[in-house]
Amino acid sequence: MLFDTHAHLNAEQYNEDLDEVIARAQKEGVTHMVVVGFDRPTIEKAMELAEGYDFIYACVGWHPVDAIDMTDEDLRWIEELSAHPKVVAIGEMGLDYHWDKSPKEVQKEVFRKQIRLAKKVNLPIVIHNREATADIMEILQEEHAEEVGGIMHCFSGSPEVAKECVKMNFYISLGGPVTFKNAKKPKEVAAEIPLDKLLIETDCPYLAPHPYRGQRNEPGYVKLVAEQIAEIKGIPFDEVADVTSQNAKKVFDIN
């Protein structure tokens, strides 16, 4: 039983073979997945997938890179969608200082608005963080995000930052980079953070794990992430698969 907590099956990279990708994931033991929408087209597709497959759920929000494009109407639409039984989280949201499409102040405002929305509708949040750790932590604290908690998606920070996030009611989600030979920090996080605070994800089609690095990622490869965590922790694969799945069901409130 594997739970891919962050997949973008709504991406155009799957236009030709989506059914086969989903079938392969099931064959590898993936029993649940959350498809994340982050703008109008990807949210619409995430909802379509969640309604079309009983084991697929949706997360809806606005990506920080595109924060400058988000309108009040978009935010109201996300709030409406949050009432759907298959919508399990708000996001991905956060800050991305790698790309400069959206000014930092605009990103921060959109981030705060989405945290407030999540608190209003009582759903967890999924955090995207790229080169913005200090500002993310400050905003989470100021907005009392611990009231809903959520997921630090594709976490790339230090074990120290991970521990601070755990204190704030967040799970740490690890993806393909934990399998990279040169990825020191994710391996340290996998070693130091208790299994009951870890989640696994692919972030597909991006960040494919070794030995598929550089190729299109897919949900079935989440098994390789679980195997790597099991190896690092020196525990059975089945334990990692089971506990991370239970963690995901807990954070997303899935029975």
Protein backbone atom coordinates (compact mmCIF):
# COMPACT_ATOMS: atom_id res chain seq x y z
CA MET A 1 0.00 0.00 0.00
CA LEU A 2 1.65 3.21 -1.24
CA PHE A 3 0.24 6.75 -1.19
CA ASP A 4 1.64 9.30 -3.66
CA THR A 5 0.75 12.51 -1.84
CA HIS A 6 1.74 14.90 -4.65
CA ALA A 7 1.31 14.12 -8.34
CA HIS A 8 0.64 16.28 -11.38
CA LEU A 9 -1.20 13.79 -13.57
CA ASN A 10 -2.98 16.92 -14.82
CA ALA A 11 0.19 17.87 -16.71
CA GLU A 12 0.37 17.74 -20.51
CA GLN A 13 3.19 15.17 -20.26
CA TYR A 14 0.47 12.53 -19.68
CA ASN A 15 -1.85 13.52 -22.51
CA GLU A 16 -0.96 10.44 -24.57
CA ASP A 17 -0.86 7.64 -21.99
CA LEU A 18 -2.58 8.68 -18.76
CA ASP A 19 -4.53 5.43 -18.35
CA GLU A 20 -1.37 3.34 -18.75
CA VAL A 21 0.51 5.49 -16.21
CA ILE A 22 -2.29 5.03 -13.66
CA ALA A 23 -2.43 1.28 -14.34
CA ARG A 24 1.34 0.97 -13.83
CA ALA A 25 1.07 2.82 -10.53
CA GLN A 26 -1.61 0.42 -9.29
CA LYS A 27 0.55 -2.53 -10.37
CA GLU A 28 3.38 -1.13 -8.19
CA GLY A 29 1.06 -1.01 -5.18
CA VAL A 30 -0.05 2.63 -5.25
CA THR A 31 -3.52 2.62 -3.70
CA HIS A 32 -4.06 6.38 -3.32
CA MET A 33 -2.80 9.56 -4.94
CA VAL A 34 -3.45 13.28 -4.67
CA VAL A 35 -3.37 15.29 -7.88
CA VAL A 36 -2.39 18.90 -7.25
CA GLY A 37 -3.87 21.79 -9.21
CA PHE A 38 -2.13 25.17 -9.06
CA ASP A 39 -3.91 27.38 -11.64
CA ARG A 40 -7.22 27.31 -13.53
CA PRO A 41 -6.45 24.60 -16.13
CA THR A 42 -4.61 22.27 -13.73
CA ILE A 43 -7.27 22.62 -11.03
CA GLU A 44 -10.01 21.77 -13.54
CA LYS A 45 -8.09 18.67 -14.64
CA ALA A 46 -7.36 17.65 -11.03
CA MET A 47 -11.09 17.80 -10.26
CA GLU A 48 -11.87 15.76 -13.36
CA LEU A 49 -9.40 13.06 -12.30
CA ALA A 50 -10.66 13.02 -8.69
CA GLU A 51 -14.22 12.56 -9.94
CA GLY A 52 -13.17 9.89 -12.43
CA TYR A 53 -11.16 7.60 -10.13
CA ASP A 54 -12.19 6.59 -6.62
CA PHE A 55 -8.54 6.40 -5.42
CA ILE A 56 -7.53 9.84 -6.74
CA TYR A 57 -8.07 12.98 -4.65
CA ALA A 58 -7.53 16.65 -5.47
CA CYS A 59 -5.59 19.49 -3.87
CA VAL A 60 -6.52 22.95 -5.16
CA GLY A 61 -4.59 26.19 -4.83
CA TRP A 62 -2.42 28.74 -6.59
CA HIS A 63 1.29 28.36 -7.30
CA PRO A 64 3.58 31.19 -6.10
CA VAL A 65 5.28 31.54 -9.49
CA ASP A 66 1.88 32.52 -10.94
CA ALA A 67 0.73 34.55 -7.91
CA ILE A 68 0.57 37.71 -10.00
CA ASP A 69 -2.19 36.10 -12.13
CA MET A 70 -4.50 35.14 -9.26
CA THR A 71 -7.68 37.19 -8.91
CA ASP A 72 -10.21 37.47 -6.08
CA GLU A 73 -12.55 35.49 -8.31
CA ASP A 74 -9.98 32.66 -8.49
CA LEU A 75 -9.78 32.60 -4.70
CA ARG A 76 -13.58 32.43 -4.40
CA TRP A 77 -13.61 29.57 -6.91
CA ILE A 78 -11.02 27.65 -4.87
CA GLU A 79 -13.18 28.20 -1.79
CA GLU A 80 -16.22 26.79 -3.62
CA LEU A 81 -14.25 23.74 -4.75
CA SER A 82 -13.00 23.13 -1.21
CA ALA A 83 -16.48 21.87 -0.29
CA HIS A 84 -16.16 19.00 -2.81
CA PRO A 85 -15.80 15.64 -1.00
CA LYS A 86 -12.72 14.70 -3.05
CA VAL A 87 -10.82 17.95 -2.30
CA VAL A 88 -8.49 17.13 0.59
CA ALA A 89 -6.15 20.15 0.84
CA ILE A 90 -5.48 23.71 -0.29
CA GLY A 91 -2.33 24.24 -2.34
CA GLU A 92 0.19 24.03 -3.57
CA MET A 93 0.94 27.47 -2.17
CA GLY A 94 4.02 29.18 -0.81
CA LEU A 95 6.97 31.17 -2.11
CA ASP A 96 9.32 30.63 -5.03
CA TYR A 97 12.30 32.99 -5.24
CA HIS A 98 14.01 31.05 -8.02
CA TRP A 99 11.77 32.46 -10.76
CA ASP A 100 10.95 36.16 -10.91
CA LYS A 101 7.59 36.18 -12.72
CA SER A 102 5.70 37.25 -9.57
CA PRO A 103 7.19 39.89 -7.23
CA LYS A 104 7.98 38.66 -3.72
CA GLU A 105 5.41 40.93 -2.09
CA VAL A 106 2.67 39.62 -4.42
CA GLN A 107 3.67 36.03 -3.64
CA LYS A 108 3.53 36.72 0.09
CA GLU A 109 0.06 38.28 -0.14
CA VAL A 110 -1.34 35.38 -2.19
CA PHE A 111 0.27 32.91 0.22
CA ARG A 112 -1.35 34.61 3.22
CA LYS A 113 -4.75 34.72 1.50
CA GLN A 114 -4.62 30.98 0.85
CA ILE A 115 -3.61 30.15 4.42
CA ARG A 116 -6.55 32.21 5.66
CA LEU A 117 -8.85 30.44 3.22
CA ALA A 118 -7.63 27.03 4.39
CA LYS A 119 -8.32 28.00 7.99
CA LYS A 120 -11.80 29.19 7.01
CA VAL A 121 -12.66 25.90 5.27
CA ASN A 122 -10.64 23.78 7.72
CA LEU A 123 -8.38 21.99 5.25
CA PRO A 124 -4.63 21.32 5.51
CA ILE A 125 -2.20 23.22 3.30
CA VAL A 126 0.49 22.00 0.90
CA ILE A 127 3.60 24.18 0.87
CA HIS A 128 5.87 24.88 -2.09
CA ASN A 129 9.18 26.37 -0.97
CA ARG A 130 12.00 27.30 -3.32
CA GLU A 131 14.84 29.40 -1.94
CA ALA A 132 12.46 31.10 0.52
CA THR A 133 12.66 29.17 3.80
CA ALA A 134 12.99 32.11 6.22
CA ASP A 135 10.03 34.00 4.74
CA ILE A 136 7.88 30.84 4.54
CA MET A 137 8.49 30.03 8.21
CA GLU A 138 7.75 33.61 9.25
CA ILE A 139 4.44 33.70 7.36
CA LEU A 140 3.35 30.27 8.64
CA GLN A 141 3.97 31.48 12.20
CA GLU A 142 2.31 34.87 11.74
CA GLU A 143 -0.77 33.31 10.12
CA HIS A 144 -0.97 30.53 12.76
CA ALA A 145 -0.91 27.91 10.03
CA GLU A 146 -0.43 25.24 12.71
CA GLU A 147 -4.20 25.44 13.26
CA VAL A 148 -4.70 23.47 10.03
CA GLY A 149 -1.20 22.06 9.53
CA GLY A 150 -0.32 20.28 6.35
CA ILE A 151 2.60 19.19 4.22
CA MET A 152 6.03 20.56 3.39
CA HIS A 153 6.00 19.29 -0.18
CA CYS A 154 9.19 17.87 -1.72
CA PHE A 155 11.15 19.06 1.30
CA SER A 156 14.73 20.06 0.48
CA GLY A 157 15.79 21.84 3.66
CA SER A 158 17.86 20.78 6.63
CA PRO A 159 16.82 18.36 9.40
CA GLU A 160 16.74 21.37 11.76
CA VAL A 161 14.17 23.21 9.61
CA ALA A 162 12.22 19.96 9.19
CA LYS A 163 11.98 19.62 12.97
CA GLU A 164 10.67 23.19 13.25
CA CYS A 165 8.02 22.36 10.64
CA VAL A 166 6.98 19.24 12.55
CA LYS A 167 6.52 21.37 15.67
CA MET A 168 4.16 23.55 13.61
CA ASN A 169 1.90 20.59 12.76
CA PHE A 170 3.43 19.81 9.35
CA TYR A 171 4.43 16.51 7.79
CA ILE A 172 7.66 16.31 5.82
CA SER A 173 7.21 14.89 2.33
CA LEU A 174 10.16 13.37 0.49
CA GLY A 175 10.33 12.66 -3.22
CA GLY A 176 12.78 11.56 -5.89
CA PRO A 177 15.75 13.64 -4.63
CA VAL A 178 16.11 11.37 -1.56
CA THR A 179 17.31 8.69 -4.01
CA PHE A 180 19.97 10.91 -5.65
CA LYS A 181 23.52 9.93 -4.72
CA ASN A 182 24.58 13.54 -4.07
CA ALA A 183 21.44 14.60 -2.17
CA LYS A 184 22.82 14.95 1.34
CA LYS A 185 20.03 16.94 3.02
CA PRO A 186 17.04 14.76 2.02
CA LYS A 187 18.90 11.67 3.22
CA GLU A 188 19.68 13.37 6.56
CA VAL A 189 16.01 14.36 6.89
CA ALA A 190 14.92 10.78 6.12
CA ALA A 191 17.28 9.54 8.83
CA GLU A 192 16.38 12.09 11.52
CA ILE A 193 12.65 12.74 11.15
CA PRO A 194 10.44 10.06 12.77
CA LEU A 195 8.57 7.87 10.31
CA ASP A 196 5.22 8.98 11.76
CA LYS A 197 5.97 12.51 10.47
CA LEU A 198 7.08 11.52 6.95
CA LEU A 199 5.16 11.30 3.69
CA ILE A 200 6.24 10.14 0.24
CA GLU A 201 5.51 11.71 -3.13
CA THR A 202 6.66 11.85 -6.74
CA ASP A 203 5.86 15.44 -7.81
CA CYS A 204 5.54 13.74 -11.19
CA PRO A 205 6.24 14.45 -14.02
CA TYR A 206 9.19 16.19 -12.33
CA LEU A 207 12.06 14.92 -10.13
CA ALA A 208 12.08 11.28 -11.17
CA PRO A 209 14.02 9.11 -8.70
CA HIS A 210 17.17 7.19 -9.50
CA PRO A 211 17.56 5.29 -11.88
CA TYR A 212 15.04 7.34 -13.90
CA ARG A 213 16.54 10.73 -13.06
CA GLY A 214 16.05 13.18 -15.93
CA GLN A 215 13.16 11.20 -17.40
CA ARG A 216 9.42 11.73 -16.97
CA ASN A 217 8.38 10.77 -13.45
CA GLU A 218 5.17 8.86 -12.68
CA PRO A 219 3.27 7.76 -9.54
CA GLY A 220 4.51 4.16 -9.68
CA TYR A 221 8.03 5.41 -8.97
CA VAL A 222 6.98 6.46 -5.46
CA LYS A 223 7.91 2.89 -4.53
CA LEU A 224 11.58 3.80 -5.10
CA VAL A 225 11.26 6.69 -2.65
CA ALA A 226 9.81 4.36 0.00
CA GLU A 227 12.57 1.81 -0.65
CA GLN A 228 15.27 4.46 -0.17
CA ILE A 229 13.75 5.68 3.13
CA ALA A 230 13.54 2.08 4.34
CA GLU A 231 17.22 1.58 3.49
CA ILE A 232 18.26 4.82 5.24
CA LYS A 233 16.26 4.01 8.36
CA GLY A 234 17.20 0.33 8.36
CA ILE A 235 13.56 -0.81 8.56
CA PRO A 236 11.38 -2.98 6.30
CA PHE A 237 9.92 -1.46 3.13
CA ASP A 238 6.43 -2.59 4.16
CA GLU A 239 6.68 -0.52 7.34
CA VAL A 240 7.58 2.62 5.40
CA ALA A 241 4.76 2.01 2.91
CA ASP A 242 2.20 1.36 5.63
CA VAL A 243 3.12 4.18 8.02
CA THR A 244 3.47 6.86 5.33
CA SER A 245 0.10 5.79 3.89
CA GLN A 246 -1.53 6.05 7.32
CA ASN A 247 0.11 9.47 7.79
CA ALA A 248 -1.30 10.64 4.46
CA LYS A 249 -4.80 9.42 5.31
CA LYS A 250 -4.54 11.24 8.62
CA VAL A 251 -3.42 14.61 7.19
CA PHE A 252 -5.94 14.45 4.33
CA ASP A 253 -8.71 13.05 6.58
CA ILE A 254 -9.34 10.06 4.31
CA ASN A 255 -11.01 7.05 5.94
